[in-house]
N, C-alpha and C. Protein backbone atom coordinates (compact mmCIF):
# COMPACT_ATOMS: atom_id res chain seq x y z
N MET A 1 0.86 -1.20 0.00
CA MET A 1 0.00 0.00 0.00
C MET A 1 0.89 1.24 0.00
N ASN A 2 0.64 2.13 -0.92
CA ASN A 2 1.47 3.33 -1.03
C ASN A 2 0.96 4.48 -0.16
N GLY A 3 -0.19 4.32 0.45
CA GLY A 3 -0.74 5.35 1.32
C GLY A 3 -1.57 6.41 0.61
N PHE A 4 -1.50 6.48 -0.71
CA PHE A 4 -2.27 7.47 -1.45
C PHE A 4 -3.75 7.10 -1.43
N THR A 5 -4.60 8.08 -1.62
CA THR A 5 -6.05 7.86 -1.57
C THR A 5 -6.67 7.63 -2.95
N TYR A 6 -5.84 7.34 -3.93
CA TYR A 6 -6.30 7.09 -5.30
C TYR A 6 -5.29 6.14 -5.95
N ASP A 7 -5.69 5.53 -7.05
CA ASP A 7 -4.85 4.50 -7.69
C ASP A 7 -3.93 5.02 -8.79
N GLU A 8 -4.27 6.12 -9.41
CA GLU A 8 -3.59 6.56 -10.63
C GLU A 8 -2.37 7.44 -10.34
N VAL A 9 -1.53 7.00 -9.41
CA VAL A 9 -0.38 7.78 -8.95
C VAL A 9 0.58 8.04 -10.12
N GLY A 10 0.92 9.31 -10.31
CA GLY A 10 1.87 9.70 -11.35
C GLY A 10 1.24 10.13 -12.66
N ALA A 11 -0.07 10.14 -12.75
CA ALA A 11 -0.73 10.46 -14.02
C ALA A 11 -0.48 11.89 -14.47
N THR A 12 -0.20 12.82 -13.56
CA THR A 12 0.07 14.20 -13.99
C THR A 12 1.41 14.31 -14.69
N GLU A 13 2.31 13.38 -14.47
CA GLU A 13 3.61 13.44 -15.14
C GLU A 13 3.47 13.14 -16.62
N THR A 14 2.61 12.19 -16.98
CA THR A 14 2.42 11.83 -18.38
C THR A 14 1.31 12.66 -19.03
N LEU A 15 0.57 13.40 -18.21
CA LEU A 15 -0.58 14.19 -18.65
C LEU A 15 -1.71 13.33 -19.21
N ASP A 16 -1.66 12.05 -18.90
CA ASP A 16 -2.73 11.12 -19.28
C ASP A 16 -3.68 11.02 -18.09
N LEU A 17 -4.52 12.06 -17.93
CA LEU A 17 -5.36 12.15 -16.76
C LEU A 17 -6.47 11.10 -16.80
N PRO A 18 -6.69 10.43 -15.68
CA PRO A 18 -7.64 9.32 -15.66
C PRO A 18 -9.09 9.79 -15.77
N PRO A 19 -9.92 8.98 -16.42
CA PRO A 19 -11.35 9.31 -16.51
C PRO A 19 -12.00 9.16 -15.14
N GLY A 20 -13.15 9.81 -15.00
CA GLY A 20 -13.93 9.69 -13.78
C GLY A 20 -13.59 10.73 -12.72
N TYR A 21 -12.62 11.58 -13.00
CA TYR A 21 -12.22 12.64 -12.08
C TYR A 21 -12.54 13.99 -12.70
N ASN A 22 -12.57 15.03 -11.87
CA ASN A 22 -12.60 16.39 -12.38
C ASN A 22 -11.18 16.73 -12.81
N HIS A 23 -11.04 17.29 -14.00
CA HIS A 23 -9.71 17.63 -14.52
C HIS A 23 -9.52 19.14 -14.50
N LEU A 24 -8.29 19.54 -14.25
CA LEU A 24 -7.94 20.95 -14.22
C LEU A 24 -6.62 21.13 -14.96
N ARG A 25 -6.56 22.12 -15.82
CA ARG A 25 -5.30 22.51 -16.46
C ARG A 25 -5.37 24.01 -16.66
N VAL A 26 -4.52 24.73 -15.93
CA VAL A 26 -4.47 26.18 -15.99
C VAL A 26 -3.05 26.58 -16.34
N ARG A 27 -2.90 27.39 -17.37
CA ARG A 27 -1.59 27.87 -17.82
C ARG A 27 -1.55 29.38 -17.65
N VAL A 28 -0.55 29.86 -16.88
CA VAL A 28 -0.49 31.28 -16.53
C VAL A 28 0.88 31.84 -16.92
N PRO A 29 0.92 33.00 -17.60
CA PRO A 29 2.23 33.60 -17.93
C PRO A 29 2.92 34.11 -16.68
N VAL A 30 4.22 33.90 -16.62
CA VAL A 30 5.01 34.32 -15.46
C VAL A 30 5.94 35.47 -15.82
N GLY A 31 6.49 35.48 -17.02
CA GLY A 31 7.43 36.52 -17.42
C GLY A 31 8.23 36.08 -18.63
N GLU A 32 9.40 36.67 -18.78
CA GLU A 32 10.23 36.37 -19.95
C GLU A 32 11.67 36.17 -19.54
N GLY A 33 12.33 35.24 -20.23
CA GLY A 33 13.76 35.08 -20.14
C GLY A 33 14.26 34.05 -19.15
N PRO A 34 15.53 33.66 -19.33
CA PRO A 34 16.12 32.62 -18.48
C PRO A 34 16.28 33.02 -17.01
N VAL A 35 16.47 34.29 -16.70
CA VAL A 35 16.60 34.70 -15.30
C VAL A 35 15.26 34.54 -14.60
N VAL A 36 14.20 34.98 -15.25
CA VAL A 36 12.85 34.81 -14.68
C VAL A 36 12.56 33.32 -14.51
N PHE A 37 12.91 32.51 -15.51
CA PHE A 37 12.68 31.07 -15.38
C PHE A 37 13.41 30.50 -14.17
N ARG A 38 14.68 30.83 -14.02
CA ARG A 38 15.46 30.27 -12.91
C ARG A 38 14.88 30.71 -11.56
N ASN A 39 14.50 31.99 -11.45
CA ASN A 39 13.89 32.48 -10.22
C ASN A 39 12.56 31.78 -9.94
N ALA A 40 11.77 31.61 -10.99
CA ALA A 40 10.47 30.94 -10.84
C ALA A 40 10.67 29.48 -10.45
N ALA A 41 11.64 28.83 -11.06
CA ALA A 41 11.92 27.43 -10.74
C ALA A 41 12.32 27.28 -9.27
N ASP A 42 13.19 28.15 -8.80
CA ASP A 42 13.60 28.09 -7.39
C ASP A 42 12.42 28.36 -6.47
N ALA A 43 11.60 29.36 -6.79
CA ALA A 43 10.44 29.69 -5.96
C ALA A 43 9.45 28.53 -5.90
N LEU A 44 9.32 27.81 -6.99
CA LEU A 44 8.43 26.66 -7.03
C LEU A 44 9.04 25.47 -6.28
N MET A 45 10.28 25.15 -6.58
CA MET A 45 10.91 23.96 -6.00
C MET A 45 11.17 24.10 -4.50
N GLU A 46 11.33 25.33 -4.02
CA GLU A 46 11.60 25.56 -2.60
C GLU A 46 10.35 26.01 -1.83
N PHE A 47 9.19 25.86 -2.45
CA PHE A 47 7.88 26.11 -1.82
C PHE A 47 7.59 27.58 -1.52
N TRP A 48 8.40 28.51 -2.01
CA TRP A 48 8.14 29.94 -1.76
C TRP A 48 6.81 30.35 -2.37
N MET A 49 6.51 29.83 -3.55
CA MET A 49 5.26 30.20 -4.21
C MET A 49 4.07 29.87 -3.31
N HIS A 50 4.02 28.64 -2.79
CA HIS A 50 2.89 28.25 -1.96
C HIS A 50 2.82 29.07 -0.68
N ARG A 51 3.95 29.32 -0.08
CA ARG A 51 3.95 30.07 1.18
C ARG A 51 3.56 31.52 0.97
N ALA A 52 3.77 32.06 -0.22
CA ALA A 52 3.44 33.46 -0.51
C ALA A 52 2.00 33.65 -0.97
N ILE A 53 1.25 32.57 -1.14
CA ILE A 53 -0.12 32.69 -1.69
C ILE A 53 -1.06 33.47 -0.76
N PRO A 54 -1.18 33.35 0.47
CA PRO A 54 -0.47 32.47 1.38
C PRO A 54 -1.33 31.28 1.80
N VAL A 55 -0.70 30.14 1.83
CA VAL A 55 -1.28 28.99 2.51
C VAL A 55 -0.22 28.54 3.51
N ARG A 56 -0.64 27.90 4.54
CA ARG A 56 0.34 27.34 5.47
C ARG A 56 0.83 26.04 4.86
N LEU A 57 2.13 25.93 4.70
CA LEU A 57 2.69 24.74 4.09
C LEU A 57 3.83 24.23 4.96
N ASN A 58 3.73 22.98 5.35
CA ASN A 58 4.81 22.31 6.08
C ASN A 58 5.31 21.17 5.20
N ALA A 59 6.60 21.18 4.92
CA ALA A 59 7.20 20.15 4.08
C ALA A 59 8.33 19.47 4.85
N SER A 60 8.52 18.19 4.58
CA SER A 60 9.57 17.44 5.27
C SER A 60 10.94 17.66 4.66
N ALA A 61 11.02 18.44 3.59
CA ALA A 61 12.29 18.74 2.93
C ALA A 61 12.29 20.22 2.52
N PRO A 62 13.45 20.87 2.47
CA PRO A 62 13.48 22.28 2.08
C PRO A 62 13.24 22.51 0.59
N ARG A 63 13.41 21.48 -0.20
CA ARG A 63 13.23 21.55 -1.65
C ARG A 63 12.40 20.33 -2.07
N ALA A 64 11.54 20.53 -3.06
CA ALA A 64 10.68 19.43 -3.52
C ALA A 64 11.54 18.24 -3.95
N ARG A 65 11.16 17.08 -3.46
CA ARG A 65 11.81 15.82 -3.84
C ARG A 65 10.79 14.70 -3.68
N PRO A 66 10.91 13.64 -4.48
CA PRO A 66 9.97 12.53 -4.34
C PRO A 66 9.96 11.98 -2.92
N ASP A 67 8.78 11.62 -2.47
CA ASP A 67 8.50 11.06 -1.15
C ASP A 67 8.51 12.08 -0.01
N ALA A 68 8.80 13.35 -0.29
CA ALA A 68 8.69 14.36 0.76
C ALA A 68 7.21 14.53 1.10
N SER A 69 6.92 14.68 2.39
CA SER A 69 5.54 14.92 2.79
C SER A 69 5.29 16.42 2.82
N VAL A 70 4.09 16.79 2.46
CA VAL A 70 3.67 18.19 2.43
C VAL A 70 2.27 18.26 3.04
N VAL A 71 2.08 19.17 3.98
CA VAL A 71 0.75 19.41 4.53
C VAL A 71 0.41 20.86 4.23
N VAL A 72 -0.65 21.04 3.49
CA VAL A 72 -1.12 22.37 3.12
C VAL A 72 -2.27 22.72 4.06
N GLY A 73 -2.15 23.88 4.71
CA GLY A 73 -3.21 24.37 5.58
C GLY A 73 -4.03 25.41 4.86
N LEU A 74 -5.29 25.12 4.65
CA LEU A 74 -6.20 26.02 3.94
C LEU A 74 -7.17 26.63 4.93
N GLY A 75 -7.37 27.93 4.83
CA GLY A 75 -8.28 28.61 5.74
C GLY A 75 -7.51 29.21 6.91
N VAL A 76 -8.27 29.73 7.88
CA VAL A 76 -7.64 30.39 9.04
C VAL A 76 -8.28 29.92 10.33
N GLY A 77 -7.49 29.99 11.38
CA GLY A 77 -7.97 29.71 12.73
C GLY A 77 -8.72 28.40 12.82
N PRO A 78 -9.92 28.44 13.46
CA PRO A 78 -10.67 27.20 13.63
C PRO A 78 -11.23 26.66 12.31
N PHE A 79 -11.15 27.47 11.27
CA PHE A 79 -11.63 27.04 9.95
C PHE A 79 -10.51 26.50 9.08
N ARG A 80 -9.31 26.32 9.65
CA ARG A 80 -8.18 25.79 8.90
C ARG A 80 -8.39 24.30 8.65
N LEU A 81 -8.15 23.92 7.42
CA LEU A 81 -8.27 22.54 6.99
C LEU A 81 -6.89 22.07 6.57
N ASN A 82 -6.38 21.01 7.17
CA ASN A 82 -5.08 20.48 6.79
C ASN A 82 -5.25 19.44 5.71
N ALA A 83 -4.42 19.55 4.68
CA ALA A 83 -4.51 18.68 3.52
C ALA A 83 -3.17 17.96 3.34
N PRO A 84 -3.04 16.73 3.85
CA PRO A 84 -1.78 16.00 3.74
C PRO A 84 -1.57 15.41 2.34
N CYS A 85 -0.32 15.54 1.87
CA CYS A 85 0.05 15.06 0.55
C CYS A 85 1.47 14.48 0.60
N ARG A 86 1.85 13.81 -0.46
CA ARG A 86 3.23 13.37 -0.63
C ARG A 86 3.65 13.67 -2.06
N ILE A 87 4.87 14.18 -2.20
CA ILE A 87 5.39 14.48 -3.53
C ILE A 87 5.69 13.17 -4.26
N ILE A 88 5.22 13.09 -5.48
CA ILE A 88 5.31 11.89 -6.29
C ILE A 88 6.50 11.95 -7.25
N TRP A 89 6.59 13.08 -7.95
CA TRP A 89 7.67 13.23 -8.92
C TRP A 89 8.13 14.68 -8.95
N THR A 90 9.38 14.84 -9.38
CA THR A 90 9.94 16.17 -9.60
C THR A 90 10.66 16.16 -10.94
N VAL A 91 10.83 17.35 -11.49
CA VAL A 91 11.62 17.51 -12.71
C VAL A 91 12.41 18.80 -12.58
N GLU A 92 13.69 18.76 -12.91
CA GLU A 92 14.52 19.96 -12.96
C GLU A 92 15.41 19.84 -14.17
N GLU A 93 14.99 20.51 -15.23
CA GLU A 93 15.72 20.50 -16.49
C GLU A 93 16.11 21.93 -16.85
N GLU A 94 16.81 22.09 -17.94
CA GLU A 94 17.29 23.41 -18.35
C GLU A 94 16.15 24.39 -18.58
N ARG A 95 15.01 23.91 -19.08
CA ARG A 95 13.89 24.79 -19.40
C ARG A 95 12.58 24.35 -18.78
N ARG A 96 12.64 23.45 -17.82
CA ARG A 96 11.41 22.92 -17.20
C ARG A 96 11.72 22.47 -15.78
N ALA A 97 10.87 22.88 -14.83
CA ALA A 97 11.04 22.46 -13.43
C ALA A 97 9.66 22.36 -12.79
N GLY A 98 9.53 21.42 -11.88
CA GLY A 98 8.26 21.30 -11.18
C GLY A 98 8.13 20.01 -10.41
N TRP A 99 6.94 19.81 -9.90
CA TRP A 99 6.66 18.65 -9.08
C TRP A 99 5.16 18.42 -8.98
N ALA A 100 4.82 17.24 -8.47
CA ALA A 100 3.41 16.91 -8.24
C ALA A 100 3.28 16.24 -6.89
N TYR A 101 2.14 16.50 -6.25
CA TYR A 101 1.85 15.75 -5.05
C TYR A 101 0.51 15.05 -5.18
N GLY A 102 0.42 13.95 -4.42
CA GLY A 102 -0.80 13.16 -4.37
C GLY A 102 -1.39 13.21 -2.99
N THR A 103 -2.69 13.02 -2.90
CA THR A 103 -3.40 13.14 -1.63
C THR A 103 -3.22 11.90 -0.77
N LEU A 104 -3.18 12.15 0.53
CA LEU A 104 -3.09 11.11 1.55
C LEU A 104 -4.35 11.13 2.39
N PRO A 105 -4.58 10.10 3.20
CA PRO A 105 -5.76 10.11 4.08
C PRO A 105 -5.83 11.39 4.92
N GLY A 106 -7.02 11.96 5.00
CA GLY A 106 -7.24 13.20 5.72
C GLY A 106 -7.36 14.41 4.81
N HIS A 107 -6.96 14.27 3.55
CA HIS A 107 -7.11 15.36 2.57
C HIS A 107 -8.57 15.43 2.16
N PRO A 108 -9.15 16.63 1.99
CA PRO A 108 -10.56 16.74 1.62
C PRO A 108 -10.86 16.26 0.19
N GLU A 109 -9.85 16.15 -0.64
CA GLU A 109 -10.00 15.66 -2.01
C GLU A 109 -9.16 14.39 -2.15
N ARG A 110 -9.35 13.68 -3.24
CA ARG A 110 -8.44 12.60 -3.57
C ARG A 110 -8.02 12.77 -5.01
N GLY A 111 -6.72 12.70 -5.24
CA GLY A 111 -6.20 12.90 -6.58
C GLY A 111 -4.81 13.48 -6.53
N GLU A 112 -4.46 14.18 -7.58
CA GLU A 112 -3.08 14.62 -7.78
C GLU A 112 -3.06 16.00 -8.41
N GLU A 113 -2.01 16.77 -8.10
CA GLU A 113 -1.86 18.11 -8.65
C GLU A 113 -0.39 18.36 -8.94
N SER A 114 -0.11 18.90 -10.12
CA SER A 114 1.27 19.22 -10.47
C SER A 114 1.41 20.71 -10.76
N PHE A 115 2.63 21.20 -10.51
CA PHE A 115 2.99 22.60 -10.74
C PHE A 115 4.28 22.56 -11.55
N VAL A 116 4.24 23.03 -12.79
CA VAL A 116 5.42 22.98 -13.65
C VAL A 116 5.62 24.35 -14.29
N VAL A 117 6.85 24.86 -14.16
CA VAL A 117 7.21 26.12 -14.81
C VAL A 117 8.13 25.76 -15.98
N HIS A 118 7.92 26.44 -17.12
CA HIS A 118 8.79 26.15 -18.26
C HIS A 118 9.06 27.41 -19.08
N LEU A 119 10.20 27.38 -19.74
CA LEU A 119 10.64 28.44 -20.63
C LEU A 119 10.42 27.95 -22.04
N ASP A 120 9.53 28.62 -22.80
CA ASP A 120 9.23 28.14 -24.15
C ASP A 120 10.24 28.66 -25.17
N ASP A 121 10.07 28.26 -26.43
CA ASP A 121 11.01 28.62 -27.50
C ASP A 121 11.03 30.11 -27.80
N GLU A 122 9.99 30.84 -27.42
CA GLU A 122 9.94 32.29 -27.64
C GLU A 122 10.49 33.07 -26.45
N GLY A 123 10.95 32.35 -25.42
CA GLY A 123 11.50 33.01 -24.24
C GLY A 123 10.47 33.36 -23.18
N GLU A 124 9.24 32.92 -23.36
CA GLU A 124 8.18 33.17 -22.37
C GLU A 124 8.25 32.10 -21.29
N VAL A 125 7.98 32.53 -20.06
CA VAL A 125 7.96 31.61 -18.92
C VAL A 125 6.51 31.41 -18.51
N TRP A 126 6.12 30.15 -18.32
CA TRP A 126 4.75 29.80 -17.99
C TRP A 126 4.70 28.88 -16.78
N LEU A 127 3.66 29.02 -15.99
CA LEU A 127 3.33 28.04 -14.96
C LEU A 127 2.11 27.28 -15.44
N THR A 128 2.19 25.96 -15.39
CA THR A 128 1.03 25.13 -15.72
C THR A 128 0.67 24.30 -14.49
N VAL A 129 -0.57 24.41 -14.07
CA VAL A 129 -1.10 23.63 -12.96
C VAL A 129 -2.06 22.61 -13.57
N THR A 130 -1.78 21.34 -13.30
CA THR A 130 -2.60 20.24 -13.82
C THR A 130 -3.06 19.40 -12.65
N ALA A 131 -4.33 19.01 -12.65
CA ALA A 131 -4.83 18.21 -11.54
C ALA A 131 -5.98 17.32 -11.99
N PHE A 132 -6.15 16.26 -11.24
CA PHE A 132 -7.38 15.46 -11.32
C PHE A 132 -7.78 15.15 -9.89
N SER A 133 -9.07 15.27 -9.61
CA SER A 133 -9.51 15.10 -8.23
C SER A 133 -10.99 14.78 -8.14
N LEU A 134 -11.34 14.24 -6.98
CA LEU A 134 -12.73 14.00 -6.60
C LEU A 134 -12.86 14.32 -5.12
N PRO A 135 -14.03 14.70 -4.67
CA PRO A 135 -14.23 14.96 -3.24
C PRO A 135 -13.98 13.69 -2.42
N ALA A 136 -13.32 13.87 -1.28
CA ALA A 136 -13.06 12.74 -0.38
C ALA A 136 -13.68 12.97 1.00
N SER A 137 -14.21 14.16 1.23
CA SER A 137 -14.79 14.47 2.53
C SER A 137 -16.19 15.03 2.33
N ARG A 138 -16.94 15.05 3.42
CA ARG A 138 -18.30 15.64 3.35
C ARG A 138 -18.23 17.10 2.96
N LEU A 139 -17.24 17.80 3.52
CA LEU A 139 -17.10 19.23 3.22
C LEU A 139 -16.86 19.45 1.73
N ALA A 140 -15.96 18.67 1.14
CA ALA A 140 -15.68 18.81 -0.29
C ALA A 140 -16.90 18.44 -1.13
N ARG A 141 -17.61 17.40 -0.72
CA ARG A 141 -18.83 17.02 -1.46
C ARG A 141 -19.89 18.11 -1.34
N ALA A 142 -20.00 18.71 -0.15
CA ALA A 142 -21.00 19.77 0.06
C ALA A 142 -20.67 21.01 -0.77
N ALA A 143 -19.37 21.27 -0.96
CA ALA A 143 -18.96 22.44 -1.75
C ALA A 143 -19.29 22.23 -3.23
N GLY A 144 -19.42 20.98 -3.64
CA GLY A 144 -19.87 20.62 -4.99
C GLY A 144 -19.23 21.41 -6.10
N PRO A 145 -20.05 22.15 -6.87
CA PRO A 145 -19.54 22.86 -8.04
C PRO A 145 -18.60 24.02 -7.70
N LEU A 146 -18.53 24.42 -6.44
CA LEU A 146 -17.60 25.48 -6.06
C LEU A 146 -16.15 25.01 -6.06
N VAL A 147 -15.92 23.71 -5.86
CA VAL A 147 -14.56 23.19 -5.77
C VAL A 147 -13.76 23.47 -7.05
N PRO A 148 -14.25 23.13 -8.23
CA PRO A 148 -13.47 23.44 -9.44
C PRO A 148 -13.22 24.94 -9.61
N VAL A 149 -14.17 25.76 -9.22
CA VAL A 149 -14.01 27.22 -9.31
C VAL A 149 -12.88 27.66 -8.38
N MET A 150 -12.88 27.12 -7.15
CA MET A 150 -11.82 27.46 -6.19
C MET A 150 -10.47 26.93 -6.65
N GLN A 151 -10.44 25.74 -7.26
CA GLN A 151 -9.18 25.19 -7.76
C GLN A 151 -8.60 26.06 -8.87
N ARG A 152 -9.45 26.52 -9.77
CA ARG A 152 -8.98 27.41 -10.85
C ARG A 152 -8.45 28.73 -10.29
N ALA A 153 -9.17 29.28 -9.33
CA ALA A 153 -8.74 30.54 -8.70
C ALA A 153 -7.39 30.33 -8.00
N TYR A 154 -7.23 29.21 -7.33
CA TYR A 154 -5.98 28.89 -6.64
C TYR A 154 -4.84 28.79 -7.65
N ALA A 155 -5.07 28.11 -8.76
CA ALA A 155 -4.04 27.96 -9.80
C ALA A 155 -3.65 29.33 -10.38
N ARG A 156 -4.62 30.17 -10.64
CA ARG A 156 -4.31 31.51 -11.16
C ARG A 156 -3.56 32.34 -10.12
N ARG A 157 -3.93 32.19 -8.87
CA ARG A 157 -3.22 32.88 -7.79
C ARG A 157 -1.78 32.41 -7.71
N CYS A 158 -1.55 31.11 -7.87
CA CYS A 158 -0.18 30.57 -7.91
C CYS A 158 0.63 31.27 -9.00
N GLY A 159 0.05 31.42 -10.18
CA GLY A 159 0.74 32.09 -11.28
C GLY A 159 1.06 33.54 -10.98
N ALA A 160 0.10 34.25 -10.40
CA ALA A 160 0.33 35.67 -10.08
C ALA A 160 1.43 35.82 -9.04
N VAL A 161 1.41 34.96 -8.03
CA VAL A 161 2.45 35.01 -6.98
C VAL A 161 3.80 34.64 -7.57
N LEU A 162 3.84 33.62 -8.41
CA LEU A 162 5.11 33.21 -9.02
C LEU A 162 5.65 34.32 -9.91
N ARG A 163 4.78 35.01 -10.62
CA ARG A 163 5.20 36.15 -11.44
C ARG A 163 5.90 37.21 -10.58
N ARG A 164 5.27 37.53 -9.45
CA ARG A 164 5.85 38.53 -8.54
C ARG A 164 7.18 38.05 -7.97
N LEU A 165 7.24 36.82 -7.52
CA LEU A 165 8.46 36.29 -6.92
C LEU A 165 9.61 36.18 -7.91
N SER A 166 9.31 35.83 -9.14
CA SER A 166 10.38 35.64 -10.12
C SER A 166 10.94 36.96 -10.64
N GLN A 167 10.16 38.03 -10.55
CA GLN A 167 10.64 39.36 -10.98
C GLN A 167 11.41 40.05 -9.88
N ALA A 168 11.03 39.81 -8.63
CA ALA A 168 11.55 40.55 -7.50
C ALA A 168 12.92 40.09 -7.05
N ARG A 169 13.34 38.93 -7.47
CA ARG A 169 14.60 38.38 -6.95
C ARG A 169 15.76 38.81 -7.74
């Protein structure tokens, strides 16, 4: 048993998203050039992007690596919801960097989400957030059609924060 709450572990790496889940793919411009790419890659791989959104994020490693545990805290105070995950894969190439995590027991959803920044042939830097998920808790089921809307907003917010972080460094 791998501990994940779904069977299709690693599907975001191949982009062959499994049927029967809600799918998400959001592509957001971050900036231009290799310096922006390198800054964005570091901000993504070292969790600065997530911490600046802001969500509370506790990771078992300072930099994304396979098998690192990540707990994302959503909300505030007594309304904070902890979402445990484990990083499944990472990539760090000359023009592409990122990682994906999968949900563990206690997460309100079940599925996988990846965050990949890349420098295209025109010199543009992009963040792509890809996910597949289904509700795993009563709260997520009750939120129903709001969940995909919130996921898209979260992905766009990730892009805006990464844009700011990659320019400011």
